[in-house]
Amino acid sequence: MKTGDARKMEASLTALAETGVDLRLALFERFFAAFPARFESFISVDAASRRMTDETLQMMLGLAKGQSWVWPLVAELVFTHRSYGALPIEEYDAFIDMTVEELGIALDDAWDADCAAAWGRGADALKYMIRKARAEWKSAMPAGAPQLAE
């Protein structure tokens, strides 16, 4: 991450709030179009879409700010997601990339190359952290997430 990324990212989130656009709607429409089988994993798309969109944006911004809370949250979310089965890393990557792309679409003229670069670095940092968490959980629990007895 570069100095100034957090400032750029915060300004874009403020601009998003001013547009009134609910980013999650287009984001999840796009995600389910790319991964239609994933729709069945959601008990409540409405609730999950709000949380997942907010958490993804918050984690990227937190990384830009050097916030220490990001790592434990990422590690916990990666473990929690194991209960949905073996999620391909491509789905994590796609969701993060789609979040940034939909943010750019929603911001239209307020989105510039510097903003895109800042969010791109945040996306790359989050993807790296997810890979790290997956590797550490795999090492700690090679058999996978605990299974419930039938």
Protein backbone atom coordinates (compact mmCIF):
# COMPACT_ATOMS: atom_id res chain seq x y z
CA MET A 1 0.00 0.00 0.00
CA LYS A 2 1.15 3.54 -0.64
CA THR A 3 0.96 6.65 1.46
CA GLY A 4 -2.28 8.40 0.61
CA ASP A 5 -4.17 5.24 -0.38
CA ALA A 6 -6.37 5.36 2.71
CA ARG A 7 -7.25 8.99 2.06
CA LYS A 8 -8.20 8.23 -1.54
CA MET A 9 -10.21 5.20 -0.49
CA GLU A 10 -12.08 7.10 2.23
CA ALA A 11 -12.89 9.91 -0.21
CA SER A 12 -14.31 7.39 -2.67
CA LEU A 13 -16.49 5.81 0.02
CA THR A 14 -17.79 9.26 0.94
CA ALA A 15 -18.54 9.90 -2.73
CA LEU A 16 -20.31 6.53 -2.95
CA ALA A 17 -22.51 7.43 0.02
CA GLU A 18 -23.40 10.70 -1.69
CA THR A 19 -24.54 8.84 -4.85
CA GLY A 20 -27.04 6.76 -2.88
CA VAL A 21 -26.01 3.68 -4.90
CA ASP A 22 -26.32 0.39 -3.02
CA LEU A 23 -23.13 -1.23 -4.28
CA ARG A 24 -24.07 -4.71 -3.11
CA LEU A 25 -26.99 -5.07 -5.53
CA ALA A 26 -24.93 -4.90 -8.72
CA LEU A 27 -22.03 -6.69 -7.02
CA PHE A 28 -24.07 -9.75 -6.06
CA GLU A 29 -25.93 -9.83 -9.36
CA ARG A 30 -22.55 -9.96 -11.07
CA PHE A 31 -21.10 -12.49 -8.63
CA PHE A 32 -24.04 -14.89 -9.03
CA ALA A 33 -23.90 -14.52 -12.81
CA ALA A 34 -20.26 -15.65 -12.66
CA PHE A 35 -20.82 -18.33 -9.98
CA PRO A 36 -24.50 -19.39 -10.19
CA ALA A 37 -24.02 -22.51 -8.06
CA ARG A 38 -22.87 -20.34 -5.15
CA PHE A 39 -26.38 -18.86 -4.76
CA GLU A 40 -27.50 -22.00 -2.90
CA SER A 41 -24.87 -21.35 -0.20
CA PHE A 42 -26.74 -18.29 1.06
CA ILE A 43 -29.53 -18.55 3.61
CA SER A 44 -30.31 -14.84 3.25
CA VAL A 45 -28.72 -13.09 0.29
CA ASP A 46 -29.99 -9.76 1.60
CA ALA A 47 -28.23 -10.10 4.97
CA ALA A 48 -25.08 -11.73 3.62
CA SER A 49 -24.69 -9.28 0.76
CA ARG A 50 -24.75 -6.33 3.14
CA ARG A 51 -22.19 -7.87 5.47
CA MET A 52 -19.88 -9.25 2.78
CA THR A 53 -19.80 -6.00 0.81
CA ASP A 54 -19.16 -3.89 3.90
CA GLU A 55 -16.53 -6.25 5.29
CA THR A 56 -14.67 -6.44 1.99
CA LEU A 57 -14.51 -2.65 1.68
CA GLN A 58 -13.60 -2.26 5.37
CA MET A 59 -10.82 -4.84 5.19
CA MET A 60 -9.23 -3.19 2.15
CA LEU A 61 -9.44 0.24 3.80
CA GLY A 62 -8.12 -1.22 7.06
CA LEU A 63 -5.12 -2.64 5.22
CA ALA A 64 -4.44 0.77 3.68
CA LYS A 65 -4.49 2.25 7.18
CA GLY A 66 -2.26 -0.48 8.61
CA GLN A 67 -4.98 -1.53 11.05
CA SER A 68 -4.13 -4.57 13.19
CA TRP A 69 -7.74 -5.83 13.34
CA VAL A 70 -7.71 -6.87 9.68
CA TRP A 71 -5.60 -10.01 10.06
CA PRO A 72 -7.70 -11.66 12.81
CA LEU A 73 -10.90 -10.87 10.89
CA VAL A 74 -9.56 -12.33 7.65
CA ALA A 75 -8.30 -15.45 9.43
CA GLU A 76 -11.67 -15.93 11.14
CA LEU A 77 -13.66 -15.37 7.94
CA VAL A 78 -11.51 -17.81 6.00
CA PHE A 79 -12.09 -20.45 8.67
CA THR A 80 -15.82 -19.73 8.84
CA HIS A 81 -16.13 -20.02 5.07
CA ARG A 82 -14.70 -23.54 5.25
CA SER A 83 -18.10 -24.69 6.50
CA TYR A 84 -19.44 -23.99 3.00
CA GLY A 85 -17.05 -26.52 1.51
CA ALA A 86 -13.87 -26.06 -0.44
CA LEU A 87 -14.27 -22.56 -1.85
CA PRO A 88 -11.94 -22.01 -4.78
CA ILE A 89 -9.52 -19.13 -4.36
CA GLU A 90 -10.82 -17.86 -7.70
CA GLU A 91 -14.15 -17.05 -6.02
CA TYR A 92 -12.46 -15.00 -3.33
CA ASP A 93 -10.38 -13.18 -5.95
CA ALA A 94 -13.37 -12.58 -8.21
CA PHE A 95 -15.50 -11.20 -5.38
CA ILE A 96 -12.78 -8.78 -4.31
CA ASP A 97 -12.08 -7.67 -7.89
CA MET A 98 -15.80 -7.28 -8.62
CA THR A 99 -16.19 -5.16 -5.49
CA VAL A 100 -13.52 -2.74 -6.71
CA GLU A 101 -14.89 -2.74 -10.26
CA GLU A 102 -18.47 -2.08 -9.12
CA LEU A 103 -17.22 0.72 -6.89
CA GLY A 104 -15.61 2.30 -9.94
CA ILE A 105 -18.81 1.92 -11.96
CA ALA A 106 -20.91 3.45 -9.18
CA LEU A 107 -18.56 6.42 -8.79
CA ASP A 108 -18.40 7.10 -12.53
CA ASP A 109 -16.68 10.51 -12.94
CA ALA A 110 -15.47 10.54 -9.32
CA TRP A 111 -13.35 7.44 -10.08
CA ASP A 112 -9.88 8.21 -11.38
CA ALA A 113 -6.66 6.33 -12.01
CA ASP A 114 -5.25 7.15 -8.55
CA CYS A 115 -8.40 5.89 -6.84
CA ALA A 116 -8.44 2.74 -8.95
CA ALA A 117 -4.78 2.12 -8.13
CA ALA A 118 -5.35 2.60 -4.39
CA TRP A 119 -8.26 0.16 -4.34
CA GLY A 120 -6.29 -2.21 -6.58
CA ARG A 121 -3.47 -2.29 -4.05
CA GLY A 122 -6.03 -2.89 -1.30
CA ALA A 123 -7.52 -5.75 -3.30
CA ASP A 124 -4.09 -7.30 -3.86
CA ALA A 125 -3.23 -7.00 -0.17
CA LEU A 126 -6.52 -8.62 0.85
CA LYS A 127 -6.08 -11.47 -1.63
CA TYR A 128 -2.59 -12.08 -0.27
CA MET A 129 -3.91 -12.12 3.29
CA ILE A 130 -6.65 -14.60 2.37
CA ARG A 131 -4.07 -16.92 0.81
CA LYS A 132 -1.94 -16.63 3.95
CA ALA A 133 -4.92 -17.45 6.20
CA ARG A 134 -5.88 -20.42 4.05
CA ALA A 135 -2.33 -21.77 4.19
CA GLU A 136 -2.11 -21.32 7.95
CA TRP A 137 -5.47 -23.02 8.56
CA LYS A 138 -4.49 -25.87 6.24
CA SER A 139 -1.26 -26.31 8.17
CA ALA A 140 -2.99 -26.11 11.56
CA MET A 141 -5.95 -28.29 10.59
CA PRO A 142 -4.95 -30.46 7.63
CA ALA A 143 -8.17 -32.50 7.87
CA GLY A 144 -10.25 -29.36 7.39
CA ALA A 145 -12.92 -27.74 9.47
CA PRO A 146 -14.37 -29.81 12.30
CA GLN A 147 -17.30 -31.90 11.14
CA LEU A 148 -20.51 -32.32 13.11
CA ALA A 149 -21.47 -35.86 14.07
CA GLU A 150 -24.57 -37.13 12.36
